[in-house]
Amino acid sequence: MPSTNATRTVRTARFILFLASGLFALGVAVQMFLAGLALFIDSTRWTAHSNFASYIGLIPVLLLLLTFPARMPGKTKVKCILLIVLTIGIFITAMLSGKIGWISAAHPVMALGLFFNSILILRESRE
């Protein structure tokens, strides 16, 4: 039977994972809203979209680190690694959009992947 402290640590880590993945999903949704605002309403809002990314960009690393004390299964760790890869891809497509042409069109698709994977991690952290 696991010790009470270990069980408490796992539950605490899962709760923090739950909160962080929810925060990340919310952050991605805000990013999509800011992009839509800049695209359809006021193009000066691109700065807000660009700046906000720096606030949420490291959350996937935190999520991956939390999967260990939370004793999450390997599939959750893989989803966190995918979030990290997609986040790097998002930054690359944003910075090099003028140089990589049509590949930069993957930017919003990657954002959808970020959102849905963070929701899956959120759900798995509650189990």
C-alpha atoms as a PDB file:
ATOM      1  CA  MET A   1       0.000   0.000   0.000  1.00  0.00           C
ATOM      2  CA  PRO A   2       1.491   3.400  -0.982  1.00  0.00           C
ATOM      3  CA  SER A   3       2.308   5.838   1.749  1.00  0.00           C
ATOM      4  CA  THR A   4      -0.030   8.722   2.447  1.00  0.00           C
ATOM      5  CA  ASN A   5       2.642  11.268   1.522  1.00  0.00           C
ATOM      6  CA  ALA A   6       3.216   9.629  -1.876  1.00  0.00           C
ATOM      7  CA  THR A   7      -0.511   9.557  -2.536  1.00  0.00           C
ATOM      8  CA  ARG A   8      -0.835  13.192  -1.514  1.00  0.00           C
ATOM      9  CA  THR A   9       2.089  14.124  -3.770  1.00  0.00           C
ATOM     10  CA  VAL A  10       0.501  12.348  -6.732  1.00  0.00           C
ATOM     11  CA  ARG A  11      -2.860  14.019  -6.121  1.00  0.00           C
ATOM     12  CA  THR A  12      -1.259  17.444  -5.713  1.00  0.00           C
ATOM     13  CA  ALA A  13       0.822  17.017  -8.884  1.00  0.00           C
ATOM     14  CA  ARG A  14      -2.261  15.890 -10.814  1.00  0.00           C
ATOM     15  CA  PHE A  15      -4.229  18.866  -9.553  1.00  0.00           C
ATOM     16  CA  ILE A  16      -1.466  21.263 -10.629  1.00  0.00           C
ATOM     17  CA  LEU A  17      -1.267  19.437 -13.981  1.00  0.00           C
ATOM     18  CA  PHE A  18      -5.029  19.869 -14.325  1.00  0.00           C
ATOM     19  CA  LEU A  19      -4.811  23.598 -13.588  1.00  0.00           C
ATOM     20  CA  ALA A  20      -1.776  24.169 -15.830  1.00  0.00           C
ATOM     21  CA  SER A  21      -3.261  22.281 -18.780  1.00  0.00           C
ATOM     22  CA  GLY A  22      -6.513  24.221 -18.376  1.00  0.00           C
ATOM     23  CA  LEU A  23      -4.566  27.468 -18.226  1.00  0.00           C
ATOM     24  CA  PHE A  24      -2.685  26.492 -21.370  1.00  0.00           C
ATOM     25  CA  ALA A  25      -5.903  25.599 -23.226  1.00  0.00           C
ATOM     26  CA  LEU A  26      -7.375  28.933 -22.171  1.00  0.00           C
ATOM     27  CA  GLY A  27      -4.191  30.704 -23.294  1.00  0.00           C
ATOM     28  CA  VAL A  28      -4.353  29.057 -26.718  1.00  0.00           C
ATOM     29  CA  ALA A  29      -8.012  30.088 -27.034  1.00  0.00           C
ATOM     30  CA  VAL A  30      -7.065  33.672 -26.137  1.00  0.00           C
ATOM     31  CA  GLN A  31      -4.313  33.511 -28.759  1.00  0.00           C
ATOM     32  CA  MET A  32      -6.832  32.411 -31.394  1.00  0.00           C
ATOM     33  CA  PHE A  33      -9.162  35.228 -30.355  1.00  0.00           C
ATOM     34  CA  LEU A  34      -6.346  37.798 -30.579  1.00  0.00           C
ATOM     35  CA  ALA A  35      -5.397  36.506 -34.036  1.00  0.00           C
ATOM     36  CA  GLY A  36      -9.006  36.794 -35.183  1.00  0.00           C
ATOM     37  CA  LEU A  37      -9.241  40.269 -33.699  1.00  0.00           C
ATOM     38  CA  ALA A  38      -6.105  41.320 -35.571  1.00  0.00           C
ATOM     39  CA  LEU A  39      -7.187  39.669 -38.805  1.00  0.00           C
ATOM     40  CA  PHE A  40     -10.785  40.842 -38.952  1.00  0.00           C
ATOM     41  CA  ILE A  41     -11.018  43.980 -36.793  1.00  0.00           C
ATOM     42  CA  ASP A  42      -7.752  45.830 -36.165  1.00  0.00           C
ATOM     43  CA  SER A  43      -4.386  44.787 -37.583  1.00  0.00           C
ATOM     44  CA  THR A  44      -2.532  46.667 -34.834  1.00  0.00           C
ATOM     45  CA  ARG A  45      -3.594  43.809 -32.511  1.00  0.00           C
ATOM     46  CA  TRP A  46      -0.946  41.497 -34.000  1.00  0.00           C
ATOM     47  CA  THR A  47       1.441  42.832 -31.373  1.00  0.00           C
ATOM     48  CA  ALA A  48      -0.841  41.574 -28.588  1.00  0.00           C
ATOM     49  CA  HIS A  49      -1.025  38.178 -30.302  1.00  0.00           C
ATOM     50  CA  SER A  50       2.769  38.017 -30.636  1.00  0.00           C
ATOM     51  CA  ASN A  51       3.493  39.195 -27.104  1.00  0.00           C
ATOM     52  CA  PHE A  52       0.966  36.933 -25.420  1.00  0.00           C
ATOM     53  CA  ALA A  53       2.672  33.850 -26.851  1.00  0.00           C
ATOM     54  CA  SER A  54       5.711  34.506 -24.678  1.00  0.00           C
ATOM     55  CA  TYR A  55       3.553  34.178 -21.557  1.00  0.00           C
ATOM     56  CA  ILE A  56       2.243  30.703 -22.333  1.00  0.00           C
ATOM     57  CA  GLY A  57       5.120  29.257 -24.381  1.00  0.00           C
ATOM     58  CA  LEU A  58       6.823  27.392 -21.532  1.00  0.00           C
ATOM     59  CA  ILE A  59       3.706  25.841 -19.997  1.00  0.00           C
ATOM     60  CA  PRO A  60       4.078  22.615 -22.055  1.00  0.00           C
ATOM     61  CA  VAL A  61       7.505  22.045 -20.461  1.00  0.00           C
ATOM     62  CA  LEU A  62       5.916  22.455 -17.022  1.00  0.00           C
ATOM     63  CA  LEU A  63       3.192  19.993 -18.020  1.00  0.00           C
ATOM     64  CA  LEU A  64       5.764  17.390 -19.039  1.00  0.00           C
ATOM     65  CA  LEU A  65       7.686  17.843 -15.796  1.00  0.00           C
ATOM     66  CA  LEU A  66       4.484  17.466 -13.766  1.00  0.00           C
ATOM     67  CA  THR A  67       3.638  14.129 -15.394  1.00  0.00           C
ATOM     68  CA  PHE A  68       6.433  12.453 -13.416  1.00  0.00           C
ATOM     69  CA  PRO A  69       5.381  13.240  -9.827  1.00  0.00           C
ATOM     70  CA  ALA A  70       1.752  12.846 -10.962  1.00  0.00           C
ATOM     71  CA  ARG A  71       2.604   9.313 -12.146  1.00  0.00           C
ATOM     72  CA  MET A  72       0.783   9.846 -15.419  1.00  0.00           C
ATOM     73  CA  PRO A  73       0.869   7.121 -18.073  1.00  0.00           C
ATOM     74  CA  GLY A  74       3.220   7.243 -21.028  1.00  0.00           C
ATOM     75  CA  LYS A  75       0.470   8.396 -23.393  1.00  0.00           C
ATOM     76  CA  THR A  76       0.092  11.592 -21.357  1.00  0.00           C
ATOM     77  CA  LYS A  77       3.839  12.194 -21.454  1.00  0.00           C
ATOM     78  CA  VAL A  78       3.741  11.744 -25.250  1.00  0.00           C
ATOM     79  CA  LYS A  79       0.956  14.337 -25.495  1.00  0.00           C
ATOM     80  CA  CYS A  80       3.067  16.764 -23.450  1.00  0.00           C
ATOM     81  CA  ILE A  81       6.043  16.171 -25.739  1.00  0.00           C
ATOM     82  CA  LEU A  82       3.747  16.789 -28.711  1.00  0.00           C
ATOM     83  CA  LEU A  83       2.696  20.089 -27.100  1.00  0.00           C
ATOM     84  CA  ILE A  84       6.360  21.084 -26.840  1.00  0.00           C
ATOM     85  CA  VAL A  85       7.016  20.146 -30.483  1.00  0.00           C
ATOM     86  CA  LEU A  86       3.899  22.003 -31.658  1.00  0.00           C
ATOM     87  CA  THR A  87       4.842  25.063 -29.596  1.00  0.00           C
ATOM     88  CA  ILE A  88       8.282  25.120 -31.199  1.00  0.00           C
ATOM     89  CA  GLY A  89       6.606  24.692 -34.594  1.00  0.00           C
ATOM     90  CA  ILE A  90       4.249  27.595 -33.881  1.00  0.00           C
ATOM     91  CA  PHE A  91       7.157  29.877 -32.998  1.00  0.00           C
ATOM     92  CA  ILE A  92       9.130  28.784 -36.075  1.00  0.00           C
ATOM     93  CA  THR A  93       6.208  29.335 -38.457  1.00  0.00           C
ATOM     94  CA  ALA A  94       5.567  32.759 -36.917  1.00  0.00           C
ATOM     95  CA  MET A  95       9.184  33.906 -37.111  1.00  0.00           C
ATOM     96  CA  LEU A  96       9.911  32.513 -40.572  1.00  0.00           C
ATOM     97  CA  SER A  97       6.552  33.052 -42.266  1.00  0.00           C
ATOM     98  CA  GLY A  98       8.076  35.240 -44.970  1.00  0.00           C
ATOM     99  CA  LYS A  99      10.758  32.662 -45.755  1.00  0.00           C
ATOM    100  CA  ILE A 100       8.851  29.379 -45.594  1.00  0.00           C
ATOM    101  CA  GLY A 101       5.789  30.416 -47.593  1.00  0.00           C
ATOM    102  CA  TRP A 102       2.953  27.947 -47.603  1.00  0.00           C
ATOM    103  CA  ILE A 103       4.389  25.980 -44.653  1.00  0.00           C
ATOM    104  CA  SER A 104       3.425  28.902 -42.444  1.00  0.00           C
ATOM    105  CA  ALA A 105      -0.205  28.024 -43.192  1.00  0.00           C
ATOM    106  CA  ALA A 106       0.287  25.172 -40.713  1.00  0.00           C
ATOM    107  CA  HIS A 107       0.440  27.781 -37.916  1.00  0.00           C
ATOM    108  CA  PRO A 108      -3.318  27.783 -37.129  1.00  0.00           C
ATOM    109  CA  VAL A 109      -3.507  24.009 -37.575  1.00  0.00           C
ATOM    110  CA  MET A 110      -0.774  23.622 -34.965  1.00  0.00           C
ATOM    111  CA  ALA A 111      -2.763  25.937 -32.686  1.00  0.00           C
ATOM    112  CA  LEU A 112      -5.714  23.545 -32.944  1.00  0.00           C
ATOM    113  CA  GLY A 113      -3.392  20.671 -32.061  1.00  0.00           C
ATOM    114  CA  LEU A 114      -2.162  22.613 -29.035  1.00  0.00           C
ATOM    115  CA  PHE A 115      -5.704  23.296 -27.873  1.00  0.00           C
ATOM    116  CA  PHE A 116      -7.041  19.772 -28.310  1.00  0.00           C
ATOM    117  CA  ASN A 117      -3.990  18.062 -26.807  1.00  0.00           C
ATOM    118  CA  SER A 118      -4.110  20.335 -23.769  1.00  0.00           C
ATOM    119  CA  ILE A 119      -7.795  19.422 -23.330  1.00  0.00           C
ATOM    120  CA  LEU A 120      -6.903  15.722 -23.525  1.00  0.00           C
ATOM    121  CA  ILE A 121      -4.182  16.197 -20.886  1.00  0.00           C
ATOM    122  CA  LEU A 122      -6.673  18.104 -18.747  1.00  0.00           C
ATOM    123  CA  ARG A 123      -9.124  15.193 -18.943  1.00  0.00           C
ATOM    124  CA  GLU A 124      -6.455  12.580 -18.250  1.00  0.00           C
ATOM    125  CA  SER A 125      -5.218  14.459 -15.191  1.00  0.00           C
ATOM    126  CA  ARG A 126      -8.670  14.095 -13.614  1.00  0.00           C
ATOM    127  CA  GLU A 127      -8.717  10.296 -13.857  1.00  0.00           C
END
